[in-house]
Amino acid sequence: MGALLVRLSEQGNTRLLEAIGSHEKICSYMDVPLQHASTNVLKLMRRGAGADIFLKSIEKMRRIVPDITLRTTFIVGFPGETQRDFEELCDFVEAAEFDWLGAFGYSDQEGAKAYALETKVPAREIERRRKKLMELRSRSAGRRSARWWVRSLIYCSRTFEETDLLGKVGL
């Protein structure tokens, strides 16, 4: 099993999603490395886009591939991240309802461009934000993963017959 890392145009993205959605043997999983949702923090990271564009892209992915599983990672406590930026990220995470999400606290790396940024977030605050983001993720992932439990139970009830080794399960 391999991974495919692509960066395509809007038209290329649409064609890739259509291919994923129309072929049962292609895993409908996307790892989307967003890093943050606040426009302010994304500018500090020298990245483009923002929450609105990200949400439109996620909506498009789910419209074209309804069963798609989405995973992402975020960095909290990036130099210059304000409480308002963090709240914007939290609002985005709740709206996007990712299936899987990782949250990492920023740590200085000598030689990186962010190392020179002056407005550092204290380590305790970084950890508080990371924990809060993971709590939000647990709630939204729980809502989305419930669909898999129902689908798995339906599949299992249609796939297996009662045998000596497998009795009927009443729900």
N, C-alpha and C. Protein backbone atom coordinates (compact mmCIF):
# COMPACT_ATOMS: atom_id res chain seq x y z
N MET A 1 0.85 -1.16 0.00
CA MET A 1 0.00 0.00 0.00
C MET A 1 0.90 1.23 0.00
N GLY A 2 0.60 2.20 -0.82
CA GLY A 2 1.41 3.41 -0.91
C GLY A 2 0.58 4.64 -0.67
N ALA A 3 1.28 5.74 -0.52
CA ALA A 3 0.61 7.02 -0.33
C ALA A 3 0.86 7.87 -1.56
N LEU A 4 -0.09 8.70 -1.86
CA LEU A 4 0.01 9.60 -3.00
C LEU A 4 -0.04 11.02 -2.47
N LEU A 5 1.01 11.77 -2.71
CA LEU A 5 1.06 13.16 -2.28
C LEU A 5 0.95 14.02 -3.52
N VAL A 6 -0.10 14.82 -3.58
CA VAL A 6 -0.32 15.64 -4.77
C VAL A 6 -0.63 17.08 -4.39
N ARG A 7 -0.28 17.96 -5.29
CA ARG A 7 -0.67 19.35 -5.19
C ARG A 7 -1.14 19.73 -6.58
N LEU A 8 -2.43 19.84 -6.73
CA LEU A 8 -3.01 20.02 -8.05
C LEU A 8 -3.74 21.35 -8.16
N SER A 9 -4.07 21.67 -9.39
CA SER A 9 -4.92 22.83 -9.64
C SER A 9 -6.34 22.49 -9.19
N GLU A 10 -7.20 23.47 -9.18
CA GLU A 10 -8.61 23.23 -8.80
C GLU A 10 -9.23 22.17 -9.71
N GLN A 11 -8.97 22.26 -11.03
CA GLN A 11 -9.51 21.28 -11.96
C GLN A 11 -8.92 19.90 -11.69
N GLY A 12 -7.62 19.85 -11.40
CA GLY A 12 -6.98 18.58 -11.08
C GLY A 12 -7.52 17.98 -9.81
N ASN A 13 -7.77 18.81 -8.81
CA ASN A 13 -8.35 18.33 -7.56
C ASN A 13 -9.72 17.72 -7.79
N THR A 14 -10.53 18.37 -8.60
CA THR A 14 -11.87 17.86 -8.90
C THR A 14 -11.77 16.51 -9.59
N ARG A 15 -10.90 16.39 -10.56
CA ARG A 15 -10.75 15.12 -11.29
C ARG A 15 -10.24 14.01 -10.37
N LEU A 16 -9.31 14.35 -9.48
CA LEU A 16 -8.81 13.36 -8.54
C LEU A 16 -9.93 12.89 -7.61
N LEU A 17 -10.70 13.83 -7.07
CA LEU A 17 -11.82 13.46 -6.19
C LEU A 17 -12.85 12.61 -6.92
N GLU A 18 -13.14 12.95 -8.17
CA GLU A 18 -14.10 12.15 -8.95
C GLU A 18 -13.58 10.74 -9.16
N ALA A 19 -12.27 10.60 -9.39
CA ALA A 19 -11.68 9.27 -9.55
C ALA A 19 -11.79 8.48 -8.26
N ILE A 20 -11.48 9.12 -7.14
CA ILE A 20 -11.57 8.45 -5.84
C ILE A 20 -13.02 8.02 -5.58
N GLY A 21 -13.96 8.91 -5.85
CA GLY A 21 -15.36 8.63 -5.59
C GLY A 21 -15.96 7.57 -6.48
N SER A 22 -15.39 7.36 -7.66
CA SER A 22 -15.99 6.42 -8.60
C SER A 22 -15.31 5.04 -8.63
N HIS A 23 -14.26 4.87 -7.88
CA HIS A 23 -13.56 3.58 -7.87
C HIS A 23 -13.55 3.01 -6.45
N GLU A 24 -14.26 1.92 -6.30
CA GLU A 24 -14.41 1.30 -4.99
C GLU A 24 -13.08 0.85 -4.38
N LYS A 25 -12.11 0.53 -5.22
CA LYS A 25 -10.83 0.01 -4.73
C LYS A 25 -9.85 1.11 -4.34
N ILE A 26 -10.20 2.35 -4.55
CA ILE A 26 -9.35 3.47 -4.12
C ILE A 26 -9.84 3.91 -2.75
N CYS A 27 -8.94 3.95 -1.81
CA CYS A 27 -9.27 4.35 -0.45
C CYS A 27 -9.69 5.82 -0.43
N SER A 28 -10.85 6.10 0.12
CA SER A 28 -11.36 7.48 0.15
C SER A 28 -10.89 8.17 1.43
N TYR A 29 -9.60 8.45 1.45
CA TYR A 29 -8.94 9.05 2.61
C TYR A 29 -8.04 10.18 2.11
N MET A 30 -8.13 11.32 2.76
CA MET A 30 -7.27 12.45 2.40
C MET A 30 -6.62 13.00 3.66
N ASP A 31 -5.33 13.17 3.60
CA ASP A 31 -4.58 13.83 4.66
C ASP A 31 -4.32 15.25 4.15
N VAL A 32 -4.93 16.21 4.79
CA VAL A 32 -4.88 17.59 4.34
C VAL A 32 -4.09 18.41 5.37
N PRO A 33 -2.82 18.69 5.13
CA PRO A 33 -1.97 19.36 6.13
C PRO A 33 -2.23 20.87 6.19
N LEU A 34 -3.21 21.28 6.96
CA LEU A 34 -3.61 22.68 6.99
C LEU A 34 -2.75 23.54 7.92
N GLN A 35 -2.29 23.04 9.01
CA GLN A 35 -1.45 23.69 10.01
C GLN A 35 -2.16 24.72 10.88
N HIS A 36 -3.08 25.47 10.33
CA HIS A 36 -3.85 26.45 11.12
C HIS A 36 -5.02 26.90 10.27
N ALA A 37 -5.94 27.67 10.84
CA ALA A 37 -7.08 28.19 10.09
C ALA A 37 -7.15 29.70 10.13
N SER A 38 -6.45 30.32 11.06
CA SER A 38 -6.46 31.78 11.17
C SER A 38 -5.63 32.39 10.05
N THR A 39 -6.21 33.32 9.33
CA THR A 39 -5.49 34.00 8.25
C THR A 39 -4.23 34.67 8.78
N ASN A 40 -4.33 35.27 9.96
CA ASN A 40 -3.18 35.94 10.57
C ASN A 40 -2.03 34.95 10.80
N VAL A 41 -2.31 33.81 11.40
CA VAL A 41 -1.26 32.84 11.69
C VAL A 41 -0.73 32.23 10.39
N LEU A 42 -1.62 31.95 9.45
CA LEU A 42 -1.17 31.39 8.17
C LEU A 42 -0.23 32.35 7.45
N LYS A 43 -0.48 33.65 7.55
CA LYS A 43 0.45 34.63 6.96
C LYS A 43 1.80 34.57 7.66
N LEU A 44 1.78 34.46 8.99
CA LEU A 44 3.04 34.34 9.74
C LEU A 44 3.80 33.07 9.33
N MET A 45 3.05 32.02 9.00
CA MET A 45 3.66 30.77 8.57
C MET A 45 4.06 30.80 7.10
N ARG A 46 3.70 31.88 6.42
CA ARG A 46 3.95 32.05 4.98
C ARG A 46 3.18 31.03 4.15
N ARG A 47 1.94 30.86 4.56
CA ARG A 47 1.02 29.97 3.84
C ARG A 47 -0.18 30.79 3.38
N GLY A 48 -0.84 30.33 2.37
CA GLY A 48 -2.00 31.04 1.85
C GLY A 48 -3.29 30.50 2.41
N ALA A 49 -4.37 30.99 1.87
CA ALA A 49 -5.73 30.54 2.19
C ALA A 49 -6.15 30.92 3.60
N GLY A 50 -7.18 30.25 4.10
CA GLY A 50 -7.75 30.52 5.40
C GLY A 50 -8.98 29.67 5.60
N ALA A 51 -9.65 29.85 6.73
CA ALA A 51 -10.77 29.00 7.13
C ALA A 51 -11.87 28.93 6.07
N ASP A 52 -12.25 30.06 5.49
CA ASP A 52 -13.35 30.04 4.51
C ASP A 52 -13.01 29.17 3.30
N ILE A 53 -11.82 29.34 2.77
CA ILE A 53 -11.40 28.54 1.61
C ILE A 53 -11.28 27.08 1.99
N PHE A 54 -10.72 26.81 3.17
CA PHE A 54 -10.59 25.43 3.63
C PHE A 54 -11.95 24.76 3.76
N LEU A 55 -12.92 25.47 4.36
CA LEU A 55 -14.26 24.89 4.53
C LEU A 55 -14.92 24.60 3.19
N LYS A 56 -14.74 25.49 2.22
CA LYS A 56 -15.30 25.25 0.88
C LYS A 56 -14.67 24.01 0.25
N SER A 57 -13.38 23.84 0.43
CA SER A 57 -12.69 22.67 -0.12
C SER A 57 -13.19 21.39 0.55
N ILE A 58 -13.36 21.43 1.86
CA ILE A 58 -13.85 20.26 2.59
C ILE A 58 -15.26 19.91 2.15
N GLU A 59 -16.10 20.92 2.00
CA GLU A 59 -17.47 20.69 1.52
C GLU A 59 -17.45 20.03 0.15
N LYS A 60 -16.57 20.50 -0.71
CA LYS A 60 -16.46 19.93 -2.06
C LYS A 60 -16.01 18.48 -1.99
N MET A 61 -15.00 18.19 -1.15
CA MET A 61 -14.53 16.81 -1.02
C MET A 61 -15.66 15.90 -0.57
N ARG A 62 -16.43 16.34 0.40
CA ARG A 62 -17.52 15.51 0.93
C ARG A 62 -18.70 15.40 -0.04
N ARG A 63 -18.87 16.41 -0.87
CA ARG A 63 -19.94 16.35 -1.87
C ARG A 63 -19.58 15.35 -2.97
N ILE A 64 -18.33 15.36 -3.42
CA ILE A 64 -17.90 14.48 -4.50
C ILE A 64 -17.65 13.06 -4.00
N VAL A 65 -17.10 12.94 -2.79
CA VAL A 65 -16.79 11.63 -2.20
C VAL A 65 -17.47 11.58 -0.82
N PRO A 66 -18.75 11.25 -0.77
CA PRO A 66 -19.51 11.32 0.48
C PRO A 66 -18.90 10.54 1.65
N ASP A 67 -18.22 9.44 1.37
CA ASP A 67 -17.65 8.62 2.44
C ASP A 67 -16.20 8.96 2.74
N ILE A 68 -15.72 10.08 2.27
CA ILE A 68 -14.31 10.42 2.45
C ILE A 68 -13.96 10.58 3.92
N THR A 69 -12.79 10.11 4.27
CA THR A 69 -12.24 10.29 5.61
C THR A 69 -11.18 11.38 5.50
N LEU A 70 -11.31 12.40 6.35
CA LEU A 70 -10.38 13.53 6.30
C LEU A 70 -9.56 13.60 7.59
N ARG A 71 -8.27 13.78 7.39
CA ARG A 71 -7.33 13.90 8.50
C ARG A 71 -6.51 15.16 8.28
N THR A 72 -6.16 15.81 9.37
CA THR A 72 -5.29 16.99 9.28
C THR A 72 -4.48 17.13 10.55
N THR A 73 -3.53 18.04 10.51
CA THR A 73 -2.75 18.38 11.70
C THR A 73 -2.68 19.90 11.82
N PHE A 74 -2.64 20.35 13.07
CA PHE A 74 -2.53 21.78 13.36
C PHE A 74 -1.39 22.03 14.33
N ILE A 75 -0.83 23.20 14.22
CA ILE A 75 0.19 23.67 15.15
C ILE A 75 -0.44 24.78 15.98
N VAL A 76 -0.39 24.64 17.29
CA VAL A 76 -0.88 25.71 18.16
C VAL A 76 0.31 26.37 18.85
N GLY A 77 0.15 27.65 19.16
CA GLY A 77 1.21 28.38 19.84
C GLY A 77 2.29 28.91 18.93
N PHE A 78 2.01 28.96 17.64
CA PHE A 78 2.99 29.53 16.70
C PHE A 78 3.25 30.98 17.12
N PRO A 79 4.48 31.47 17.03
CA PRO A 79 4.77 32.85 17.45
C PRO A 79 3.81 33.85 16.79
N GLY A 80 3.19 34.67 17.60
CA GLY A 80 2.23 35.65 17.11
C GLY A 80 0.79 35.19 17.18
N GLU A 81 0.54 33.90 17.49
CA GLU A 81 -0.83 33.40 17.60
C GLU A 81 -1.48 34.04 18.83
N THR A 82 -2.58 34.75 18.60
CA THR A 82 -3.32 35.38 19.70
C THR A 82 -4.43 34.45 20.17
N GLN A 83 -5.06 34.81 21.27
CA GLN A 83 -6.20 34.03 21.75
C GLN A 83 -7.31 34.05 20.70
N ARG A 84 -7.47 35.17 20.03
CA ARG A 84 -8.49 35.28 18.98
C ARG A 84 -8.17 34.34 17.82
N ASP A 85 -6.90 34.26 17.43
CA ASP A 85 -6.48 33.33 16.37
C ASP A 85 -6.80 31.89 16.77
N PHE A 86 -6.50 31.56 18.02
CA PHE A 86 -6.76 30.21 18.50
C PHE A 86 -8.27 29.91 18.50
N GLU A 87 -9.08 30.88 18.92
CA GLU A 87 -10.53 30.69 18.91
C GLU A 87 -11.04 30.50 17.48
N GLU A 88 -10.45 31.21 16.54
CA GLU A 88 -10.81 31.03 15.13
C GLU A 88 -10.49 29.60 14.68
N LEU A 89 -9.35 29.10 15.11
CA LEU A 89 -8.97 27.72 14.79
C LEU A 89 -9.98 26.74 15.40
N CYS A 90 -10.36 26.96 16.65
CA CYS A 90 -11.34 26.08 17.32
C CYS A 90 -12.68 26.10 16.59
N ASP A 91 -13.14 27.29 16.21
CA ASP A 91 -14.40 27.39 15.47
C ASP A 91 -14.32 26.61 14.16
N PHE A 92 -13.17 26.72 13.50
CA PHE A 92 -12.96 26.02 12.24
C PHE A 92 -13.00 24.50 12.45
N VAL A 93 -12.32 24.02 13.48
CA VAL A 93 -12.29 22.58 13.76
C VAL A 93 -13.69 22.05 14.02
N GLU A 94 -14.49 22.81 14.77
CA GLU A 94 -15.87 22.38 15.02
C GLU A 94 -16.69 22.36 13.74
N ALA A 95 -16.50 23.35 12.88
CA ALA A 95 -17.25 23.42 11.62
C ALA A 95 -16.82 22.33 10.64
N ALA A 96 -15.54 22.05 10.59
CA ALA A 96 -15.02 21.10 9.60
C ALA A 96 -15.29 19.65 9.96
N GLU A 97 -15.39 19.33 11.24
CA GLU A 97 -15.65 17.96 11.71
C GLU A 97 -14.73 16.93 11.04
N PHE A 98 -13.44 17.06 11.29
CA PHE A 98 -12.47 16.12 10.75
C PHE A 98 -12.67 14.75 11.38
N ASP A 99 -12.36 13.71 10.62
CA ASP A 99 -12.43 12.35 11.15
C ASP A 99 -11.24 12.08 12.06
N TRP A 100 -10.10 12.60 11.69
CA TRP A 100 -8.87 12.44 12.47
C TRP A 100 -8.14 13.77 12.49
N LEU A 101 -7.58 14.09 13.62
CA LEU A 101 -6.90 15.38 13.76
C LEU A 101 -5.76 15.24 14.76
N GLY A 102 -4.62 15.80 14.41
CA GLY A 102 -3.50 15.86 15.33
C GLY A 102 -3.22 17.31 15.66
N ALA A 103 -2.88 17.58 16.90
CA ALA A 103 -2.53 18.94 17.31
C ALA A 103 -1.16 18.89 17.98
N PHE A 104 -0.30 19.76 17.53
CA PHE A 104 1.05 19.82 18.04
C PHE A 104 1.35 21.21 18.53
N GLY A 105 2.09 21.30 19.61
CA GLY A 105 2.51 22.58 20.12
C GLY A 105 3.76 23.05 19.38
N TYR A 106 3.79 24.33 19.08
CA TYR A 106 4.97 24.90 18.42
C TYR A 106 6.17 24.81 19.35
N SER A 107 7.31 24.49 18.77
CA SER A 107 8.56 24.54 19.52
C SER A 107 9.61 25.18 18.62
N ASP A 108 10.40 26.06 19.20
CA ASP A 108 11.44 26.76 18.45
C ASP A 108 12.47 25.79 17.90
N GLN A 109 12.84 26.02 16.66
CA GLN A 109 13.91 25.27 16.02
C GLN A 109 14.91 26.29 15.47
N GLU A 110 16.08 26.30 16.04
CA GLU A 110 17.09 27.25 15.60
C GLU A 110 17.33 27.08 14.10
N GLY A 111 17.38 28.21 13.41
CA GLY A 111 17.57 28.19 11.97
C GLY A 111 16.27 28.32 11.18
N ALA A 112 15.14 28.00 11.81
CA ALA A 112 13.84 28.15 11.14
C ALA A 112 13.45 29.63 11.14
N LYS A 113 12.73 30.08 10.13
CA LYS A 113 12.33 31.48 10.05
C LYS A 113 11.48 31.91 11.24
N ALA A 114 10.65 31.00 11.75
CA ALA A 114 9.79 31.33 12.88
C ALA A 114 10.60 31.56 14.16
N TYR A 115 11.80 31.05 14.21
CA TYR A 115 12.66 31.21 15.38
C TYR A 115 12.90 32.69 15.68
N ALA A 116 12.98 33.49 14.62
CA ALA A 116 13.26 34.92 14.77
C ALA A 116 12.02 35.74 15.14
N LEU A 117 10.83 35.16 15.04
CA LEU A 117 9.62 35.90 15.39
C LEU A 117 9.62 36.18 16.89
N GLU A 118 9.20 37.39 17.26
CA GLU A 118 9.36 37.83 18.65
C GLU A 118 8.22 37.45 19.59
N THR A 119 7.00 37.46 19.13
CA THR A 119 5.87 37.25 20.03
C THR A 119 5.66 35.77 20.29
N LYS A 120 6.36 35.23 21.26
CA LYS A 120 6.28 33.81 21.59
C LYS A 120 5.11 33.55 22.55
N VAL A 121 4.47 32.43 22.37
CA VAL A 121 3.39 32.00 23.25
C VAL A 121 4.04 31.14 24.35
N PRO A 122 3.71 31.41 25.62
CA PRO A 122 4.31 30.62 26.71
C PRO A 122 3.97 29.13 26.59
N ALA A 123 4.92 28.28 27.01
CA ALA A 123 4.78 26.83 26.89
C ALA A 123 3.50 26.30 27.56
N ARG A 124 3.16 26.84 28.73
CA ARG A 124 1.93 26.37 29.41
C ARG A 124 0.68 26.69 28.59
N GLU A 125 0.67 27.85 27.97
CA GLU A 125 -0.47 28.25 27.13
C GLU A 125 -0.53 27.38 25.88
N ILE A 126 0.61 27.08 25.31
CA ILE A 126 0.64 26.19 24.13
C ILE A 126 0.02 24.85 24.48
N GLU A 127 0.40 24.28 25.62
CA GLU A 127 -0.14 22.98 26.02
C GLU A 127 -1.64 23.07 26.33
N ARG A 128 -2.08 24.15 26.95
CA ARG A 128 -3.51 24.34 27.22
C ARG A 128 -4.29 24.37 25.91
N ARG A 129 -3.78 25.10 24.93
CA ARG A 129 -4.45 25.19 23.63
C ARG A 129 -4.47 23.84 22.92
N ARG A 130 -3.36 23.13 22.98
CA ARG A 130 -3.29 21.82 22.33
C ARG A 130 -4.33 20.87 22.92
N LYS A 131 -4.43 20.84 24.25
CA LYS A 131 -5.40 19.97 24.90
C LYS A 131 -6.83 20.36 24.53
N LYS A 132 -7.11 21.66 24.51
CA LYS A 132 -8.46 22.10 24.16
C LYS A 132 -8.81 21.70 22.73
N LEU A 133 -7.87 21.85 21.82
CA LEU A 133 -8.13 21.49 20.43
C LEU A 133 -8.39 19.99 20.31
N MET A 134 -7.66 19.19 21.04
CA MET A 134 -7.88 17.74 20.99
C MET A 134 -9.22 17.36 21.61
N GLU A 135 -9.67 18.09 22.63
CA GLU A 135 -11.01 17.84 23.19
C GLU A 135 -12.09 18.15 22.16
N LEU A 136 -11.93 19.25 21.44
CA LEU A 136 -12.89 19.60 20.39
C LEU A 136 -12.91 18.52 19.31
N ARG A 137 -11.74 18.04 18.96
CA ARG A 137 -11.63 17.00 17.95
C ARG A 137 -12.36 15.74 18.38
N SER A 138 -12.23 15.40 19.65
CA SER A 138 -12.90 14.19 20.15
C SER A 138 -14.41 14.29 19.98
N ARG A 139 -14.96 15.46 20.24
CA ARG A 139 -16.42 15.63 20.09
C ARG A 139 -16.84 15.54 18.64
N SER A 140 -16.16 16.25 17.74
CA SER A 140 -16.57 16.24 16.34
C SER A 140 -16.29 14.90 15.69
N ALA A 141 -15.16 14.27 16.03
CA ALA A 141 -14.85 12.96 15.46
C ALA A 141 -15.86 11.93 15.92
N GLY A 142 -16.32 12.05 17.15
CA GLY A 142 -17.33 11.13 17.66
C GLY A 142 -18.61 11.20 16.85
N ARG A 143 -19.03 12.41 16.50
CA ARG A 143 -20.25 12.56 15.69
C ARG A 143 -20.05 11.93 14.31
N ARG A 144 -18.90 12.15 13.69
CA ARG A 144 -18.65 11.62 12.35
C ARG A 144 -18.42 10.11 12.38
N SER A 145 -17.74 9.60 13.41
CA SER A 145 -17.43 8.17 13.42
C SER A 145 -18.66 7.33 13.71
N ALA A 146 -19.70 7.90 14.27
CA ALA A 146 -20.93 7.15 14.53
C ALA A 146 -21.48 6.55 13.24
N ARG A 147 -21.31 7.23 12.12
CA ARG A 147 -21.81 6.71 10.84
C ARG A 147 -21.10 5.42 10.47
N TRP A 148 -19.82 5.27 10.84
CA TRP A 148 -19.08 4.05 10.53
C TRP A 148 -19.54 2.87 11.37
N TRP A 149 -19.91 3.14 12.62
CA TRP A 149 -20.41 2.06 13.48
C TRP A 149 -21.70 1.51 12.92
N VAL A 150 -22.60 2.39 12.53
CA VAL A 150 -23.88 1.95 11.98
C VAL A 150 -23.64 1.16 10.70
N ARG A 151 -22.80 1.69 9.82
CA ARG A 151 -22.51 1.02 8.55
C ARG A 151 -21.85 -0.34 8.80
N SER A 152 -20.93 -0.41 9.76
CA SER A 152 -20.25 -1.67 10.07
C SER A 152 -21.23 -2.70 10.61
N LEU A 153 -22.13 -2.28 11.48
CA LEU A 153 -23.11 -3.20 12.04
C LEU A 153 -24.05 -3.72 10.96
N ILE A 154 -24.46 -2.85 10.05
CA ILE A 154 -25.33 -3.29 8.96
C ILE A 154 -24.59 -4.28 8.08
N TYR A 155 -23.35 -3.96 7.76
CA TYR A 155 -22.53 -4.85 6.93
C TYR A 155 -22.37 -6.21 7.60
N CYS A 156 -22.02 -6.20 8.87
CA CYS A 156 -21.81 -7.46 9.59
C CYS A 156 -23.09 -8.27 9.65
N SER A 157 -24.21 -7.62 9.89
CA SER A 157 -25.46 -8.37 10.01
C SER A 157 -25.88 -8.96 8.67
N ARG A 158 -25.44 -8.37 7.57
CA ARG A 158 -25.78 -8.89 6.25
C ARG A 158 -24.75 -9.89 5.75
N THR A 159 -23.57 -9.87 6.31
CA THR A 159 -22.47 -10.69 5.80
C THR A 159 -22.39 -12.05 6.47
N PHE A 160 -22.62 -12.10 7.76
CA PHE A 160 -22.41 -13.33 8.50
C PHE A 160 -23.73 -14.03 8.81
N GLU A 161 -23.69 -15.32 8.68
CA GLU A 161 -24.83 -16.12 9.08
C GLU A 161 -24.52 -16.73 10.43
N GLU A 162 -25.54 -17.13 11.12
CA GLU A 162 -25.35 -17.77 12.42
C GLU A 162 -24.69 -19.13 12.21
N THR A 163 -23.62 -19.37 12.96
CA THR A 163 -22.93 -20.67 12.93
C THR A 163 -22.63 -21.07 14.36
N ASP A 164 -21.98 -22.21 14.54
CA ASP A 164 -21.58 -22.64 15.87
C ASP A 164 -20.57 -21.67 16.46
N LEU A 165 -19.77 -21.05 15.61
CA LEU A 165 -18.72 -20.14 16.08
C LEU A 165 -19.22 -18.71 16.23
N LEU A 166 -20.28 -18.37 15.54
CA LEU A 166 -20.77 -17.00 15.56
C LEU A 166 -22.28 -17.00 15.77
N GLY A 167 -22.70 -16.61 16.95
CA GLY A 167 -24.13 -16.55 17.24
C GLY A 167 -24.70 -15.23 16.79
N LYS A 168 -26.00 -15.15 16.70
CA LYS A 168 -26.64 -13.88 16.33
C LYS A 168 -26.47 -12.87 17.45
N VAL A 169 -26.25 -11.64 17.06
CA VAL A 169 -26.10 -10.56 18.02
C VAL A 169 -27.37 -9.72 17.96
N GLY A 170 -28.05 -9.58 19.06
CA GLY A 170 -29.25 -8.76 19.09
C GLY A 170 -28.93 -7.35 19.48
N LEU A 171 -29.45 -6.40 18.74
CA LEU A 171 -29.23 -4.99 19.04
C LEU A 171 -30.51 -4.34 19.48
